[in-house]
């Protein structure tokens, strides 16, 4: 049985999670937005770079994330 490859989408800065636009099982393509963060009154969309299917969502609206925190896991 081949081992599944998982890609982690991480926060690039300390921010508040405003919205999560996917749930487990959602197919995603490069450029799709999976979350919206807010930092210093600016909204930052978080986009995926690889196609796959969302395996897990690790954050919820209202959470505060640190740089490097995993937001979403994607099975490639």
N, C-alpha and C. Protein backbone atom coordinates (compact mmCIF):
# COMPACT_ATOMS: atom_id res chain seq x y z
N UNK A 1 0.85 -1.18 0.00
CA UNK A 1 0.00 0.00 0.00
C UNK A 1 0.89 1.24 0.00
N UNK A 2 0.72 2.14 -0.98
CA UNK A 2 1.57 3.33 -1.01
C UNK A 2 1.24 4.27 0.14
N UNK A 3 2.26 4.91 0.62
CA UNK A 3 2.09 5.85 1.71
C UNK A 3 1.58 7.17 1.16
N UNK A 4 0.58 7.76 1.83
CA UNK A 4 0.03 9.02 1.32
C UNK A 4 1.00 10.16 1.60
N UNK A 5 1.08 11.08 0.66
CA UNK A 5 1.92 12.26 0.83
C UNK A 5 1.04 13.39 1.34
N UNK A 6 1.51 14.05 2.38
CA UNK A 6 0.74 15.12 3.00
C UNK A 6 1.54 16.42 2.91
N UNK A 7 0.87 17.47 2.48
CA UNK A 7 1.46 18.80 2.45
C UNK A 7 0.79 19.64 3.53
N UNK A 8 1.59 20.39 4.27
CA UNK A 8 1.04 21.25 5.31
C UNK A 8 1.03 22.70 4.83
N UNK A 9 -0.11 23.37 5.00
CA UNK A 9 -0.22 24.79 4.70
C UNK A 9 -0.03 25.50 6.04
N UNK A 10 0.99 26.37 6.11
CA UNK A 10 1.34 27.00 7.38
C UNK A 10 1.14 28.52 7.34
N UNK A 11 1.01 29.10 8.53
CA UNK A 11 0.90 30.55 8.66
C UNK A 11 2.28 31.16 8.43
N UNK A 12 2.32 32.24 7.69
CA UNK A 12 3.60 32.90 7.42
C UNK A 12 3.92 34.00 8.42
N UNK A 13 2.96 34.28 9.32
CA UNK A 13 3.15 35.34 10.32
C UNK A 13 2.17 35.14 11.45
N UNK A 14 2.37 35.87 12.53
CA UNK A 14 1.41 35.88 13.62
C UNK A 14 0.17 36.60 13.11
N UNK A 15 -1.00 35.98 13.30
CA UNK A 15 -2.23 36.57 12.77
C UNK A 15 -3.45 35.97 13.45
N UNK A 16 -4.58 36.61 13.24
CA UNK A 16 -5.87 36.10 13.67
C UNK A 16 -6.51 35.37 12.50
N UNK A 17 -7.15 34.25 12.77
CA UNK A 17 -7.88 33.53 11.72
C UNK A 17 -9.26 34.18 11.60
N UNK A 18 -9.54 34.74 10.42
CA UNK A 18 -10.82 35.38 10.15
C UNK A 18 -11.82 34.37 9.62
N UNK A 19 -11.38 33.51 8.69
CA UNK A 19 -12.27 32.53 8.08
C UNK A 19 -11.47 31.33 7.60
N UNK A 20 -12.14 30.19 7.57
CA UNK A 20 -11.60 28.97 6.98
C UNK A 20 -12.57 28.59 5.88
N UNK A 21 -12.08 28.42 4.66
CA UNK A 21 -12.96 28.23 3.50
C UNK A 21 -13.03 26.79 3.01
N UNK A 22 -12.41 25.86 3.74
CA UNK A 22 -12.44 24.45 3.35
C UNK A 22 -12.77 23.60 4.57
N UNK A 23 -13.08 22.34 4.31
CA UNK A 23 -13.29 21.36 5.36
C UNK A 23 -12.68 20.05 4.89
N UNK A 24 -12.49 19.09 5.79
CA UNK A 24 -11.93 17.81 5.36
C UNK A 24 -12.74 17.22 4.20
N UNK A 25 -12.00 16.74 3.20
CA UNK A 25 -12.64 16.17 2.01
C UNK A 25 -12.77 17.13 0.85
N UNK A 26 -12.52 18.42 1.08
CA UNK A 26 -12.62 19.41 0.02
C UNK A 26 -11.44 19.27 -0.95
N UNK A 27 -11.71 19.12 -2.26
CA UNK A 27 -10.61 19.11 -3.22
C UNK A 27 -10.09 20.54 -3.43
N UNK A 28 -8.78 20.68 -3.55
CA UNK A 28 -8.19 22.01 -3.77
C UNK A 28 -7.22 21.95 -4.94
N UNK A 29 -7.06 23.09 -5.60
CA UNK A 29 -6.14 23.24 -6.72
C UNK A 29 -5.18 24.38 -6.41
N UNK A 30 -4.03 24.42 -7.08
CA UNK A 30 -3.09 25.52 -6.84
C UNK A 30 -3.78 26.87 -6.99
N UNK A 31 -3.57 27.73 -6.01
CA UNK A 31 -4.16 29.06 -6.03
C UNK A 31 -5.46 29.19 -5.27
N UNK A 32 -6.04 28.04 -4.84
CA UNK A 32 -7.28 28.10 -4.06
C UNK A 32 -6.99 28.65 -2.66
N UNK A 33 -7.91 29.47 -2.16
CA UNK A 33 -7.79 30.03 -0.82
C UNK A 33 -8.37 29.04 0.18
N UNK A 34 -7.61 28.73 1.25
CA UNK A 34 -8.10 27.82 2.28
C UNK A 34 -8.43 28.53 3.58
N UNK A 35 -7.88 29.73 3.77
CA UNK A 35 -8.15 30.48 4.99
C UNK A 35 -7.88 31.96 4.74
N UNK A 36 -8.44 32.77 5.62
CA UNK A 36 -8.21 34.21 5.56
C UNK A 36 -7.70 34.64 6.92
N UNK A 37 -6.51 35.24 6.93
CA UNK A 37 -5.89 35.72 8.17
C UNK A 37 -5.93 37.23 8.22
N UNK A 38 -5.83 37.78 9.44
CA UNK A 38 -5.78 39.23 9.61
C UNK A 38 -4.60 39.56 10.52
N UNK A 39 -3.77 40.48 10.04
CA UNK A 39 -2.63 40.94 10.83
C UNK A 39 -2.43 42.41 10.57
N UNK A 40 -2.31 43.18 11.62
CA UNK A 40 -2.12 44.63 11.52
C UNK A 40 -3.16 45.27 10.60
N UNK A 41 -4.42 44.85 10.78
CA UNK A 41 -5.57 45.39 10.04
C UNK A 41 -5.54 45.09 8.55
N UNK A 42 -4.70 44.13 8.14
CA UNK A 42 -4.67 43.71 6.74
C UNK A 42 -5.15 42.27 6.65
N UNK A 43 -6.00 41.98 5.66
CA UNK A 43 -6.45 40.61 5.46
C UNK A 43 -5.51 39.91 4.48
N UNK A 44 -5.10 38.71 4.85
CA UNK A 44 -4.14 37.95 4.05
C UNK A 44 -4.77 36.61 3.67
N UNK A 45 -5.06 36.39 2.37
CA UNK A 45 -5.56 35.07 1.98
C UNK A 45 -4.43 34.05 2.00
N UNK A 46 -4.74 32.85 2.49
CA UNK A 46 -3.77 31.75 2.50
C UNK A 46 -4.16 30.82 1.36
N UNK A 47 -3.26 30.64 0.40
CA UNK A 47 -3.56 29.82 -0.78
C UNK A 47 -2.68 28.58 -0.81
N UNK A 48 -3.19 27.54 -1.46
CA UNK A 48 -2.41 26.30 -1.60
C UNK A 48 -1.58 26.35 -2.87
N UNK A 49 -0.45 25.65 -2.84
CA UNK A 49 0.44 25.62 -3.99
C UNK A 49 0.32 24.32 -4.78
N UNK A 50 -0.26 23.27 -4.15
CA UNK A 50 -0.36 21.97 -4.78
C UNK A 50 -1.81 21.49 -4.79
N UNK A 51 -2.15 20.68 -5.77
CA UNK A 51 -3.50 20.12 -5.84
C UNK A 51 -3.59 18.91 -4.91
N UNK A 52 -4.77 18.71 -4.34
CA UNK A 52 -5.00 17.57 -3.47
C UNK A 52 -6.36 17.65 -2.82
N UNK A 53 -6.49 16.95 -1.70
CA UNK A 53 -7.74 16.92 -0.94
C UNK A 53 -7.43 17.27 0.50
N UNK A 54 -8.23 18.13 1.09
CA UNK A 54 -8.01 18.54 2.48
C UNK A 54 -8.20 17.32 3.39
N UNK A 55 -7.19 17.03 4.19
CA UNK A 55 -7.25 15.93 5.15
C UNK A 55 -7.70 16.42 6.52
N UNK A 56 -7.19 17.59 6.93
CA UNK A 56 -7.51 18.11 8.26
C UNK A 56 -7.42 19.63 8.26
N UNK A 57 -8.29 20.24 9.02
CA UNK A 57 -8.25 21.68 9.26
C UNK A 57 -7.87 21.85 10.73
N UNK A 58 -6.76 22.55 10.98
CA UNK A 58 -6.21 22.64 12.33
C UNK A 58 -6.57 23.93 13.06
N UNK A 59 -7.29 24.83 12.41
CA UNK A 59 -7.63 26.12 13.02
C UNK A 59 -9.12 26.42 12.80
N UNK A 60 -9.61 27.41 13.54
CA UNK A 60 -10.99 27.86 13.40
C UNK A 60 -11.00 29.38 13.47
N UNK A 61 -12.05 30.02 12.92
CA UNK A 61 -12.15 31.47 13.04
C UNK A 61 -12.05 31.90 14.50
N UNK A 62 -11.28 32.96 14.72
CA UNK A 62 -11.07 33.46 16.07
C UNK A 62 -9.76 33.00 16.69
N UNK A 63 -9.15 31.95 16.13
CA UNK A 63 -7.86 31.47 16.64
C UNK A 63 -6.76 32.48 16.32
N UNK A 64 -5.74 32.50 17.16
CA UNK A 64 -4.53 33.27 16.89
C UNK A 64 -3.45 32.26 16.54
N UNK A 65 -2.80 32.46 15.40
CA UNK A 65 -1.75 31.55 14.96
C UNK A 65 -0.39 32.24 15.00
N UNK A 66 0.63 31.42 15.18
CA UNK A 66 2.00 31.90 15.18
C UNK A 66 2.64 31.53 13.85
N UNK A 67 3.73 32.19 13.49
CA UNK A 67 4.45 31.85 12.27
C UNK A 67 4.84 30.38 12.31
N UNK A 68 4.51 29.66 11.25
CA UNK A 68 4.85 28.24 11.14
C UNK A 68 3.77 27.29 11.63
N UNK A 69 2.72 27.81 12.27
CA UNK A 69 1.62 26.94 12.70
C UNK A 69 0.93 26.32 11.50
N UNK A 70 0.57 25.04 11.61
CA UNK A 70 -0.13 24.35 10.53
C UNK A 70 -1.60 24.77 10.55
N UNK A 71 -2.07 25.22 9.39
CA UNK A 71 -3.47 25.63 9.25
C UNK A 71 -4.30 24.49 8.68
N UNK A 72 -3.79 23.87 7.60
CA UNK A 72 -4.52 22.83 6.88
C UNK A 72 -3.53 21.78 6.41
N UNK A 73 -3.95 20.50 6.45
CA UNK A 73 -3.17 19.40 5.87
C UNK A 73 -3.86 18.95 4.60
N UNK A 74 -3.07 18.73 3.54
CA UNK A 74 -3.62 18.32 2.25
C UNK A 74 -2.95 17.02 1.81
N UNK A 75 -3.76 16.06 1.41
CA UNK A 75 -3.25 14.81 0.86
C UNK A 75 -3.05 15.03 -0.64
N UNK A 76 -1.85 14.76 -1.12
CA UNK A 76 -1.54 14.99 -2.53
C UNK A 76 -1.95 13.81 -3.38
